PDB file of all heavy atoms in Angstrom:
ATOM      1  N   PRO A   1      60.055  36.331 231.906  1.00  0.00           N
ATOM      2  CA  PRO A   1      58.942  37.273 231.936  1.00  0.00           C
ATOM      3  C   PRO A   1      59.229  38.585 231.235  1.00  0.00           C
ATOM      4  O   PRO A   1      58.346  39.139 230.549  1.00  0.00           O
ATOM      5  CB  PRO A   1      58.684  37.479 233.452  1.00  0.00           C
ATOM      6  CG  PRO A   1      59.241  36.269 234.090  1.00  0.00           C
ATOM      7  CD  PRO A   1      60.423  35.880 233.265  1.00  0.00           C
ATOM      8  N   ASP A   2      60.428  39.110 231.369  1.00  0.00           N
ATOM      9  CA  ASP A   2      60.788  40.379 230.733  1.00  0.00           C
ATOM     10  C   ASP A   2      60.728  40.252 229.212  1.00  0.00           C
ATOM     11  O   ASP A   2      60.388  41.215 228.515  1.00  0.00           O
ATOM     12  CB  ASP A   2      62.160  40.870 231.194  1.00  0.00           C
ATOM     13  CG  ASP A   2      62.150  41.396 232.614  1.00  0.00           C
ATOM     14  OD1 ASP A   2      61.044  41.668 233.122  1.00  0.00           O
ATOM     15  OD2 ASP A   2      63.230  41.538 233.218  1.00  0.00           O
ATOM     16  N   LEU A   3      61.109  39.119 228.691  1.00  0.00           N
ATOM     17  CA  LEU A   3      61.077  38.897 227.247  1.00  0.00           C
ATOM     18  C   LEU A   3      59.629  38.850 226.772  1.00  0.00           C
ATOM     19  O   LEU A   3      59.293  39.518 225.789  1.00  0.00           O
ATOM     20  CB  LEU A   3      61.801  37.603 226.848  1.00  0.00           C
ATOM     21  CG  LEU A   3      61.711  37.231 225.372  1.00  0.00           C
ATOM     22  CD1 LEU A   3      62.394  38.266 224.517  1.00  0.00           C
ATOM     23  CD2 LEU A   3      62.358  35.829 225.150  1.00  0.00           C
ATOM     24  N   GLU A   4      58.791  38.141 227.472  1.00  0.00           N
ATOM     25  CA  GLU A   4      57.377  38.077 227.080  1.00  0.00           C
ATOM     26  C   GLU A   4      56.732  39.445 227.101  1.00  0.00           C
ATOM     27  O   GLU A   4      56.014  39.814 226.182  1.00  0.00           O
ATOM     28  CB  GLU A   4      56.632  37.151 228.020  1.00  0.00           C
ATOM     29  CG  GLU A   4      55.145  37.020 227.723  1.00  0.00           C
ATOM     30  CD  GLU A   4      54.401  36.196 228.755  1.00  0.00           C
ATOM     31  OE1 GLU A   4      54.862  35.095 229.047  1.00  0.00           O
ATOM     32  OE2 GLU A   4      53.343  36.642 229.235  1.00  0.00           O
ATOM     33  N   SER A   5      57.020  40.229 228.143  1.00  0.00           N
ATOM     34  CA  SER A   5      56.386  41.559 228.250  1.00  0.00           C
ATOM     35  C   SER A   5      56.858  42.480 227.133  1.00  0.00           C
ATOM     36  O   SER A   5      56.084  43.256 226.603  1.00  0.00           O
ATOM     37  CB  SER A   5      56.685  42.171 229.620  1.00  0.00           C
ATOM     38  OG  SER A   5      58.070  42.448 229.783  1.00  0.00           O
ATOM     39  N   ARG A   6      58.105  42.388 226.770  1.00  0.00           N
ATOM     40  CA  ARG A   6      58.635  43.279 225.747  1.00  0.00           C
ATOM     41  C   ARG A   6      58.103  42.868 224.347  1.00  0.00           C
ATOM     42  O   ARG A   6      57.738  43.732 223.540  1.00  0.00           O
ATOM     43  CB  ARG A   6      60.168  43.248 225.733  1.00  0.00           C
ATOM     44  CG  ARG A   6      60.730  44.138 226.845  1.00  0.00           C
ATOM     45  CD  ARG A   6      62.184  43.804 227.139  1.00  0.00           C
ATOM     46  NE  ARG A   6      62.796  44.739 228.069  1.00  0.00           N
ATOM     47  CZ  ARG A   6      62.557  44.771 229.370  1.00  0.00           C
ATOM     48  NH1 ARG A   6      61.665  43.961 229.910  1.00  0.00           N
ATOM     49  NH2 ARG A   6      63.174  45.664 230.154  1.00  0.00           N
ATOM     50  N   LEU A   7      58.056  41.580 224.061  1.00  0.00           N
ATOM     51  CA  LEU A   7      57.569  41.145 222.762  1.00  0.00           C
ATOM     52  C   LEU A   7      56.061  41.364 222.592  1.00  0.00           C
ATOM     53  O   LEU A   7      55.584  41.368 221.461  1.00  0.00           O
ATOM     54  CB  LEU A   7      57.946  39.681 222.531  1.00  0.00           C
ATOM     55  CG  LEU A   7      59.434  39.367 222.399  1.00  0.00           C
ATOM     56  CD1 LEU A   7      59.652  37.864 222.154  1.00  0.00           C
ATOM     57  CD2 LEU A   7      60.058  40.179 221.254  1.00  0.00           C
ATOM     58  N   SER A   8      55.366  41.515 223.703  1.00  0.00           N
ATOM     59  CA  SER A   8      53.932  41.757 223.633  1.00  0.00           C
ATOM     60  C   SER A   8      53.597  43.229 223.841  1.00  0.00           C
ATOM     61  O   SER A   8      52.421  43.597 223.977  1.00  0.00           O
ATOM     62  CB  SER A   8      53.198  40.898 224.655  1.00  0.00           C
ATOM     63  OG  SER A   8      53.625  41.223 225.974  1.00  0.00           O
ATOM     64  N   SER A   9      54.638  44.083 223.869  1.00  0.00           N
ATOM     65  CA  SER A   9      54.421  45.512 224.131  1.00  0.00           C
ATOM     66  C   SER A   9      53.839  46.261 222.923  1.00  0.00           C
ATOM     67  O   SER A   9      53.322  47.374 223.078  1.00  0.00           O
ATOM     68  CB  SER A   9      55.725  46.164 224.536  1.00  0.00           C
ATOM     69  OG  SER A   9      56.698  46.097 223.500  1.00  0.00           O
ATOM     70  N   GLY A  10      53.953  45.686 221.747  1.00  0.00           N
ATOM     71  CA  GLY A  10      53.390  46.325 220.549  1.00  0.00           C
ATOM     72  C   GLY A  10      52.083  45.710 220.178  1.00  0.00           C
ATOM     73  O   GLY A  10      51.338  45.183 221.024  1.00  0.00           O
ATOM     74  N   ALA A  11      51.754  45.762 218.894  1.00  0.00           N
ATOM     75  CA  ALA A  11      50.499  45.206 218.418  1.00  0.00           C
ATOM     76  C   ALA A  11      50.557  43.691 218.350  1.00  0.00           C
ATOM     77  O   ALA A  11      51.595  43.134 217.945  1.00  0.00           O
ATOM     78  CB  ALA A  11      50.193  45.797 217.044  1.00  0.00           C
ATOM     79  N   THR A  12      49.489  43.036 218.739  1.00  0.00           N
ATOM     80  CA  THR A  12      49.372  41.591 218.632  1.00  0.00           C
ATOM     81  C   THR A  12      48.163  41.265 217.725  1.00  0.00           C
ATOM     82  O   THR A  12      47.068  41.790 217.969  1.00  0.00           O
ATOM     83  CB  THR A  12      49.191  40.941 220.009  1.00  0.00           C
ATOM     84  OG1 THR A  12      50.348  41.177 220.809  1.00  0.00           O
ATOM     85  CG2 THR A  12      48.989  39.434 219.898  1.00  0.00           C
ATOM     86  N   PHE A  13      48.400  40.418 216.741  1.00  0.00           N
ATOM     87  CA  PHE A  13      47.312  40.063 215.824  1.00  0.00           C
ATOM     88  C   PHE A  13      47.153  38.568 215.757  1.00  0.00           C
ATOM     89  O   PHE A  13      48.127  37.819 215.529  1.00  0.00           O
ATOM     90  CB  PHE A  13      47.602  40.578 214.401  1.00  0.00           C
ATOM     91  CG  PHE A  13      47.658  42.058 214.265  1.00  0.00           C
ATOM     92  CD1 PHE A  13      48.877  42.738 214.314  1.00  0.00           C
ATOM     93  CD2 PHE A  13      46.500  42.811 214.095  1.00  0.00           C
ATOM     94  CE1 PHE A  13      48.946  44.101 214.146  1.00  0.00           C
ATOM     95  CE2 PHE A  13      46.541  44.170 213.942  1.00  0.00           C
ATOM     96  CZ  PHE A  13      47.759  44.826 213.977  1.00  0.00           C
ATOM     97  N   ARG A  14      45.915  38.108 215.959  1.00  0.00           N
ATOM     98  CA  ARG A  14      45.630  36.707 215.694  1.00  0.00           C
ATOM     99  C   ARG A  14      45.225  36.546 214.223  1.00  0.00           C
ATOM    100  O   ARG A  14      44.326  37.260 213.742  1.00  0.00           O
ATOM    101  CB  ARG A  14      44.486  36.212 216.592  1.00  0.00           C
ATOM    102  CG  ARG A  14      44.145  34.749 216.342  1.00  0.00           C
ATOM    103  CD  ARG A  14      42.983  34.270 217.199  1.00  0.00           C
ATOM    104  NE  ARG A  14      42.729  32.860 216.946  1.00  0.00           N
ATOM    105  CZ  ARG A  14      41.774  32.169 217.549  1.00  0.00           C
ATOM    106  NH1 ARG A  14      40.990  32.764 218.470  1.00  0.00           N
ATOM    107  NH2 ARG A  14      41.604  30.891 217.275  1.00  0.00           N
ATOM    108  N   LEU A  15      45.890  35.649 213.547  1.00  0.00           N
ATOM    109  CA  LEU A  15      45.555  35.389 212.137  1.00  0.00           C
ATOM    110  C   LEU A  15      44.517  34.280 212.079  1.00  0.00           C
ATOM    111  O   LEU A  15      44.632  33.228 212.740  1.00  0.00           O
ATOM    112  CB  LEU A  15      46.802  34.971 211.325  1.00  0.00           C
ATOM    113  CG  LEU A  15      47.916  36.036 211.269  1.00  0.00           C
ATOM    114  CD1 LEU A  15      49.028  35.525 210.350  1.00  0.00           C
ATOM    115  CD2 LEU A  15      47.386  37.359 210.762  1.00  0.00           C
ATOM    116  N   HIS A  16      43.470  34.522 211.283  1.00  0.00           N
ATOM    117  CA  HIS A  16      42.363  33.572 211.184  1.00  0.00           C
ATOM    118  C   HIS A  16      42.477  32.733 209.920  1.00  0.00           C
ATOM    119  O   HIS A  16      43.027  33.154 208.901  1.00  0.00           O
ATOM    120  CB  HIS A  16      41.023  34.348 211.161  1.00  0.00           C
ATOM    121  CG  HIS A  16      40.790  35.151 212.407  1.00  0.00           C
ATOM    122  ND1 HIS A  16      40.254  34.639 213.547  1.00  0.00           N
ATOM    123  CD2 HIS A  16      41.057  36.472 212.663  1.00  0.00           C
ATOM    124  CE1 HIS A  16      40.185  35.586 214.466  1.00  0.00           C
ATOM    125  NE2 HIS A  16      40.646  36.706 213.948  1.00  0.00           N
ATOM    126  N   GLY A  17      41.988  31.512 210.015  1.00  0.00           N
ATOM    127  CA  GLY A  17      41.959  30.623 208.858  1.00  0.00           C
ATOM    128  C   GLY A  17      40.931  31.046 207.835  1.00  0.00           C
ATOM    129  O   GLY A  17      40.159  32.021 208.034  1.00  0.00           O
ATOM    130  N   LEU A  18      40.862  30.307 206.743  1.00  0.00           N
ATOM    131  CA  LEU A  18      39.970  30.654 205.649  1.00  0.00           C
ATOM    132  C   LEU A  18      38.670  29.871 205.702  1.00  0.00           C
ATOM    133  O   LEU A  18      38.696  28.658 205.928  1.00  0.00           O
ATOM    134  CB  LEU A  18      40.664  30.353 204.332  1.00  0.00           C
ATOM    135  CG  LEU A  18      41.971  31.097 204.015  1.00  0.00           C
ATOM    136  CD1 LEU A  18      42.598  30.577 202.730  1.00  0.00           C
ATOM    137  CD2 LEU A  18      41.734  32.600 203.936  1.00  0.00           C
ATOM    138  N   SER A  19      37.548  30.556 205.509  1.00  0.00           N
ATOM    139  CA  SER A  19      36.289  29.882 205.301  1.00  0.00           C
ATOM    140  C   SER A  19      36.283  29.305 203.881  1.00  0.00           C
ATOM    141  O   SER A  19      37.197  29.561 203.091  1.00  0.00           O
ATOM    142  CB  SER A  19      35.145  30.868 205.474  1.00  0.00           C
ATOM    143  OG  SER A  19      35.184  31.854 204.429  1.00  0.00           O
ATOM    144  N   ASP A  20      35.246  28.541 203.556  1.00  0.00           N
ATOM    145  CA  ASP A  20      35.183  27.998 202.195  1.00  0.00           C
ATOM    146  C   ASP A  20      35.138  29.138 201.169  1.00  0.00           C
ATOM    147  O   ASP A  20      35.785  29.062 200.131  1.00  0.00           O
ATOM    148  CB  ASP A  20      33.941  27.114 202.036  1.00  0.00           C
ATOM    149  CG  ASP A  20      34.119  25.775 202.742  1.00  0.00           C
ATOM    150  OD1 ASP A  20      35.265  25.489 203.194  1.00  0.00           O
ATOM    151  OD2 ASP A  20      33.134  24.999 202.838  1.00  0.00           O
ATOM    152  N   GLU A  21      34.365  30.159 201.482  1.00  0.00           N
ATOM    153  CA  GLU A  21      34.277  31.296 200.562  1.00  0.00           C
ATOM    154  C   GLU A  21      35.630  31.999 200.410  1.00  0.00           C
ATOM    155  O   GLU A  21      36.028  32.393 199.315  1.00  0.00           O
ATOM    156  CB  GLU A  21      33.200  32.291 201.081  1.00  0.00           C
ATOM    157  CG  GLU A  21      32.994  33.483 200.161  1.00  0.00           C
ATOM    158  CD  GLU A  21      31.917  34.411 200.682  1.00  0.00           C
ATOM    159  OE1 GLU A  21      31.062  33.956 201.495  1.00  0.00           O
ATOM    160  OE2 GLU A  21      31.889  35.578 200.274  1.00  0.00           O
ATOM    161  N   ASP A  22      36.294  32.151 201.563  1.00  0.00           N
ATOM    162  CA  ASP A  22      37.612  32.765 201.519  1.00  0.00           C
ATOM    163  C   ASP A  22      38.590  31.910 200.747  1.00  0.00           C
ATOM    164  O   ASP A  22      39.471  32.426 200.055  1.00  0.00           O
ATOM    165  CB  ASP A  22      38.131  32.959 202.955  1.00  0.00           C
ATOM    166  CG  ASP A  22      37.454  34.077 203.693  1.00  0.00           C
ATOM    167  OD1 ASP A  22      36.876  34.977 203.045  1.00  0.00           O
ATOM    168  OD2 ASP A  22      37.488  34.041 204.939  1.00  0.00           O
ATOM    169  N   SER A  23      38.492  30.590 200.892  1.00  0.00           N
ATOM    170  CA  SER A  23      39.406  29.679 200.193  1.00  0.00           C
ATOM    171  C   SER A  23      39.295  29.843 198.684  1.00  0.00           C
ATOM    172  O   SER A  23      40.303  29.817 197.950  1.00  0.00           O
ATOM    173  CB  SER A  23      39.136  28.243 200.602  1.00  0.00           C
ATOM    174  OG  SER A  23      39.442  28.011 201.947  1.00  0.00           O
ATOM    175  N   VAL A  24      38.067  29.993 198.195  1.00  0.00           N
ATOM    176  CA  VAL A  24      37.853  30.200 196.763  1.00  0.00           C
ATOM    177  C   VAL A  24      38.519  31.504 196.324  1.00  0.00           C
ATOM    178  O   VAL A  24      39.264  31.551 195.318  1.00  0.00           O
ATOM    179  CB  VAL A  24      36.357  30.225 196.438  1.00  0.00           C
ATOM    180  CG1 VAL A  24      36.127  30.725 195.003  1.00  0.00           C
ATOM    181  CG2 VAL A  24      35.760  28.838 196.599  1.00  0.00           C
ATOM    182  N   ALA A  25      38.296  32.543 197.092  1.00  0.00           N
ATOM    183  CA  ALA A  25      38.890  33.846 196.762  1.00  0.00           C
ATOM    184  C   ALA A  25      40.415  33.810 196.843  1.00  0.00           C
ATOM    185  O   ALA A  25      41.125  34.382 196.018  1.00  0.00           O
ATOM    186  CB  ALA A  25      38.337  34.945 197.716  1.00  0.00           C
ATOM    187  N   ALA A  26      40.937  33.086 197.864  1.00  0.00           N
ATOM    188  CA  ALA A  26      42.386  32.979 198.030  1.00  0.00           C
ATOM    189  C   ALA A  26      43.002  32.231 196.847  1.00  0.00           C
ATOM    190  O   ALA A  26      44.092  32.579 196.345  1.00  0.00           O
ATOM    191  CB  ALA A  26      42.704  32.282 199.346  1.00  0.00           C
ATOM    192  N   LEU A  27      42.360  31.143 196.420  1.00  0.00           N
ATOM    193  CA  LEU A  27      42.846  30.382 195.260  1.00  0.00           C
ATOM    194  C   LEU A  27      42.866  31.252 193.995  1.00  0.00           C
ATOM    195  O   LEU A  27      43.832  31.229 193.236  1.00  0.00           O
ATOM    196  CB  LEU A  27      41.986  29.139 195.044  1.00  0.00           C
ATOM    197  CG  LEU A  27      42.283  27.924 195.898  1.00  0.00           C
ATOM    198  CD1 LEU A  27      41.159  26.903 195.752  1.00  0.00           C
ATOM    199  CD2 LEU A  27      43.620  27.317 195.501  1.00  0.00           C
ATOM    200  N   GLN A  28      41.825  32.020 193.816  1.00  0.00           N
ATOM    201  CA  GLN A  28      41.726  32.893 192.648  1.00  0.00           C
ATOM    202  C   GLN A  28      42.809  33.978 192.705  1.00  0.00           C
ATOM    203  O   GLN A  28      43.417  34.326 191.671  1.00  0.00           O
ATOM    204  CB  GLN A  28      40.341  33.494 192.528  1.00  0.00           C
ATOM    205  CG  GLN A  28      39.263  32.509 192.153  1.00  0.00           C
ATOM    206  CD  GLN A  28      37.916  33.172 191.957  1.00  0.00           C
ATOM    207  OE1 GLN A  28      37.361  33.736 192.887  1.00  0.00           O
ATOM    208  NE2 GLN A  28      37.386  33.098 190.745  1.00  0.00           N
ATOM    209  N   LYS A  29      43.070  34.493 193.857  1.00  0.00           N
ATOM    210  CA  LYS A  29      44.098  35.525 194.010  1.00  0.00           C
ATOM    211  C   LYS A  29      45.471  34.950 193.732  1.00  0.00           C
ATOM    212  O   LYS A  29      46.286  35.588 193.014  1.00  0.00           O
ATOM    213  CB  LYS A  29      44.048  36.101 195.424  1.00  0.00           C
ATOM    214  CG  LYS A  29      44.996  37.314 195.613  1.00  0.00           C
ATOM    215  CD  LYS A  29      44.817  37.889 197.025  1.00  0.00           C
ATOM    216  CE  LYS A  29      45.715  39.142 197.227  1.00  0.00           C
ATOM    217  NZ  LYS A  29      45.240  40.297 196.409  1.00  0.00           N
ATOM    218  N   ARG A  30      45.768  33.752 194.274  1.00  0.00           N
ATOM    219  CA  ARG A  30      47.073  33.140 194.016  1.00  0.00           C
ATOM    220  C   ARG A  30      47.206  32.781 192.545  1.00  0.00           C
ATOM    221  O   ARG A  30      48.274  32.968 191.957  1.00  0.00           O
ATOM    222  CB  ARG A  30      47.193  31.886 194.872  1.00  0.00           C
ATOM    223  CG  ARG A  30      48.541  31.137 194.691  1.00  0.00           C
ATOM    224  CD  ARG A  30      49.713  31.847 195.287  1.00  0.00           C
ATOM    225  NE  ARG A  30      49.600  31.936 196.733  1.00  0.00           N
ATOM    226  CZ  ARG A  30      50.082  31.022 197.568  1.00  0.00           C
ATOM    227  NH1 ARG A  30      50.727  29.978 197.115  1.00  0.00           N
ATOM    228  NH2 ARG A  30      49.953  31.213 198.888  1.00  0.00           N
ATOM    229  N   ALA A  31      46.105  32.301 191.940  1.00  0.00           N
ATOM    230  CA  ALA A  31      46.156  31.948 190.511  1.00  0.00           C
ATOM    231  C   ALA A  31      46.411  33.212 189.660  1.00  0.00           C
ATOM    232  O   ALA A  31      47.233  33.178 188.736  1.00  0.00           O
ATOM    233  CB  ALA A  31      44.836  31.296 190.082  1.00  0.00           C
ATOM    234  N   ALA A  32      45.721  34.277 189.957  1.00  0.00           N
ATOM    235  CA  ALA A  32      45.908  35.523 189.223  1.00  0.00           C
ATOM    236  C   ALA A  32      47.328  36.045 189.349  1.00  0.00           C
ATOM    237  O   ALA A  32      47.930  36.529 188.379  1.00  0.00           O
ATOM    238  CB  ALA A  32      44.912  36.590 189.707  1.00  0.00           C
ATOM    239  N   TRP A  33      47.914  35.911 190.545  1.00  0.00           N
ATOM    240  CA  TRP A  33      49.298  36.303 190.738  1.00  0.00           C
ATOM    241  C   TRP A  33      50.243  35.498 189.863  1.00  0.00           C
ATOM    242  O   TRP A  33      51.237  35.986 189.351  1.00  0.00           O
ATOM    243  CB  TRP A  33      49.697  36.160 192.218  1.00  0.00           C
ATOM    244  CG  TRP A  33      51.123  36.475 192.474  1.00  0.00           C
ATOM    245  CD1 TRP A  33      51.672  37.747 192.599  1.00  0.00           C
ATOM    246  CD2 TRP A  33      52.200  35.564 192.642  1.00  0.00           C
ATOM    247  NE1 TRP A  33      53.031  37.641 192.788  1.00  0.00           N
ATOM    248  CE2 TRP A  33      53.367  36.320 192.827  1.00  0.00           C
ATOM    249  CE3 TRP A  33      52.260  34.161 192.607  1.00  0.00           C
ATOM    250  CZ2 TRP A  33      54.601  35.712 193.019  1.00  0.00           C
ATOM    251  CZ3 TRP A  33      53.488  33.544 192.818  1.00  0.00           C
ATOM    252  CH2 TRP A  33      54.634  34.326 193.018  1.00  0.00           C
ATOM    253  N   ARG A  34      49.905  34.209 189.637  1.00  0.00           N
ATOM    254  CA  ARG A  34      50.705  33.355 188.760  1.00  0.00           C
ATOM    255  C   ARG A  34      50.359  33.506 187.291  1.00  0.00           C
ATOM    256  O   ARG A  34      50.916  32.847 186.413  1.00  0.00           O
ATOM    257  CB  ARG A  34      50.566  31.910 189.167  1.00  0.00           C
ATOM    258  CG  ARG A  34      51.210  31.558 190.486  1.00  0.00           C
ATOM    259  CD  ARG A  34      51.633  30.105 190.561  1.00  0.00           C
ATOM    260  NE  ARG A  34      52.294  29.760 191.791  1.00  0.00           N
ATOM    261  CZ  ARG A  34      53.602  29.956 192.053  1.00  0.00           C
ATOM    262  NH1 ARG A  34      54.339  30.549 191.135  1.00  0.00           N
ATOM    263  NH2 ARG A  34      54.093  29.569 193.200  1.00  0.00           N
ATOM    264  N   GLY A  35      49.424  34.438 186.988  1.00  0.00           N
ATOM    265  CA  GLY A  35      49.041  34.644 185.584  1.00  0.00           C
ATOM    266  C   GLY A  35      48.040  33.673 185.080  1.00  0.00           C
ATOM    267  O   GLY A  35      47.862  33.490 183.862  1.00  0.00           O
ATOM    268  N   LEU A  36      47.286  33.021 185.983  1.00  0.00           N
ATOM    269  CA  LEU A  36      46.286  32.027 185.617  1.00  0.00           C
ATOM    270  C   LEU A  36      44.881  32.595 185.807  1.00  0.00           C
ATOM    271  O   LEU A  36      44.654  33.405 186.697  1.00  0.00           O
ATOM    272  CB  LEU A  36      46.428  30.772 186.475  1.00  0.00           C
ATOM    273  CG  LEU A  36      47.710  29.979 186.352  1.00  0.00           C
ATOM    274  CD1 LEU A  36      47.735  28.922 187.461  1.00  0.00           C
ATOM    275  CD2 LEU A  36      47.789  29.314 185.003  1.00  0.00           C
ATOM    276  N   ASN A  37      43.955  32.118 185.005  1.00  0.00           N
ATOM    277  CA  ASN A  37      42.555  32.427 185.195  1.00  0.00           C
ATOM    278  C   ASN A  37      41.895  31.215 185.806  1.00  0.00           C
ATOM    279  O   ASN A  37      41.787  30.172 185.187  1.00  0.00           O
ATOM    280  CB  ASN A  37      41.886  32.772 183.851  1.00  0.00           C
ATOM    281  CG  ASN A  37      40.388  32.993 184.048  1.00  0.00           C
ATOM    282  OD1 ASN A  37      39.934  33.587 185.037  1.00  0.00           O
ATOM    283  ND2 ASN A  37      39.585  32.531 183.094  1.00  0.00           N
ATOM    284  N   LEU A  38      41.498  31.341 187.081  1.00  0.00           N
ATOM    285  CA  LEU A  38      40.832  30.224 187.773  1.00  0.00           C
ATOM    286  C   LEU A  38      39.363  30.621 187.970  1.00  0.00           C
ATOM    287  O   LEU A  38      39.059  31.396 188.877  1.00  0.00           O
ATOM    288  CB  LEU A  38      41.501  29.969 189.126  1.00  0.00           C
ATOM    289  CG  LEU A  38      40.922  28.850 189.965  1.00  0.00           C
ATOM    290  CD1 LEU A  38      41.088  27.493 189.267  1.00  0.00           C
ATOM    291  CD2 LEU A  38      41.566  28.803 191.340  1.00  0.00           C
ATOM    292  N   PRO A  39      38.473  30.061 187.185  1.00  0.00           N
ATOM    293  CA  PRO A  39      37.045  30.395 187.348  1.00  0.00           C
ATOM    294  C   PRO A  39      36.534  30.020 188.746  1.00  0.00           C
ATOM    295  O   PRO A  39      37.041  29.066 189.361  1.00  0.00           O
ATOM    296  CB  PRO A  39      36.354  29.532 186.278  1.00  0.00           C
ATOM    297  CG  PRO A  39      37.435  29.275 185.263  1.00  0.00           C
ATOM    298  CD  PRO A  39      38.693  29.150 186.049  1.00  0.00           C
ATOM    299  N   GLU A  40      35.549  30.741 189.196  1.00  0.00           N
ATOM    300  CA  GLU A  40      35.031  30.506 190.534  1.00  0.00           C
ATOM    301  C   GLU A  40      34.500  29.085 190.701  1.00  0.00           C
ATOM    302  O   GLU A  40      34.689  28.431 191.736  1.00  0.00           O
ATOM    303  CB  GLU A  40      33.938  31.522 190.861  1.00  0.00           C
ATOM    304  CG  GLU A  40      33.416  31.406 192.308  1.00  0.00           C
ATOM    305  CD  GLU A  40      32.456  32.536 192.642  1.00  0.00           C
ATOM    306  OE1 GLU A  40      32.422  33.537 191.922  1.00  0.00           O
ATOM    307  OE2 GLU A  40      31.737  32.384 193.660  1.00  0.00           O
ATOM    308  N   ASP A  41      33.830  28.576 189.639  1.00  0.00           N
ATOM    309  CA  ASP A  41      33.259  27.218 189.773  1.00  0.00           C
ATOM    310  C   ASP A  41      34.363  26.164 189.827  1.00  0.00           C
ATOM    311  O   ASP A  41      34.210  25.156 190.542  1.00  0.00           O
ATOM    312  CB  ASP A  41      32.292  26.955 188.612  1.00  0.00           C
ATOM    313  CG  ASP A  41      32.940  27.015 187.238  1.00  0.00           C
ATOM    314  OD1 ASP A  41      34.033  27.578 187.137  1.00  0.00           O
ATOM    315  OD2 ASP A  41      32.325  26.498 186.284  1.00  0.00           O
ATOM    316  N   THR A  42      35.478  26.407 189.162  1.00  0.00           N
ATOM    317  CA  THR A  42      36.592  25.457 189.231  1.00  0.00           C
ATOM    318  C   THR A  42      37.220  25.472 190.620  1.00  0.00           C
ATOM    319  O   THR A  42      37.561  24.433 191.175  1.00  0.00           O
ATOM    320  CB  THR A  42      37.645  25.788 188.182  1.00  0.00           C
ATOM    321  OG1 THR A  42      37.060  25.779 186.888  1.00  0.00           O
ATOM    322  CG2 THR A  42      38.773  24.760 188.213  1.00  0.00           C
ATOM    323  N   ALA A  43      37.394  26.690 191.172  1.00  0.00           N
ATOM    324  CA  ALA A  43      37.950  26.817 192.518  1.00  0.00           C
ATOM    325  C   ALA A  43      37.049  26.127 193.539  1.00  0.00           C
ATOM    326  O   ALA A  43      37.523  25.395 194.442  1.00  0.00           O
ATOM    327  CB  ALA A  43      38.134  28.294 192.880  1.00  0.00           C
ATOM    328  N   ALA A  44      35.758  26.323 193.414  1.00  0.00           N
ATOM    329  CA  ALA A  44      34.794  25.677 194.321  1.00  0.00           C
ATOM    330  C   ALA A  44      34.854  24.151 194.153  1.00  0.00           C
ATOM    331  O   ALA A  44      34.711  23.417 195.139  1.00  0.00           O
ATOM    332  CB  ALA A  44      33.390  26.202 194.064  1.00  0.00           C
ATOM    333  N   TYR A  45      35.010  23.688 192.953  1.00  0.00           N
ATOM    334  CA  TYR A  45      35.107  22.257 192.700  1.00  0.00           C
ATOM    335  C   TYR A  45      36.333  21.664 193.410  1.00  0.00           C
ATOM    336  O   TYR A  45      36.263  20.544 193.973  1.00  0.00           O
ATOM    337  CB  TYR A  45      35.212  21.979 191.189  1.00  0.00           C
ATOM    338  CG  TYR A  45      35.481  20.554 190.828  1.00  0.00           C
ATOM    339  CD1 TYR A  45      34.457  19.597 190.930  1.00  0.00           C
ATOM    340  CD2 TYR A  45      36.735  20.124 190.387  1.00  0.00           C
ATOM    341  CE1 TYR A  45      34.700  18.252 190.607  1.00  0.00           C
ATOM    342  CE2 TYR A  45      36.987  18.830 190.061  1.00  0.00           C
ATOM    343  CZ  TYR A  45      35.970  17.886 190.185  1.00  0.00           C
ATOM    344  OH  TYR A  45      36.230  16.565 189.867  1.00  0.00           O
TER     345      TYR A  45
END
């Protein structure tokens, strides 16, 4: 119990998954980081 209370004493964030719209944006962001141009229609495809 003491470990649980200490590790939860700061900020706790739930990370959410990606919607379809978010997935397109995430793919484009990753592609841009790799130096690629990923058109939105290709990402959606």
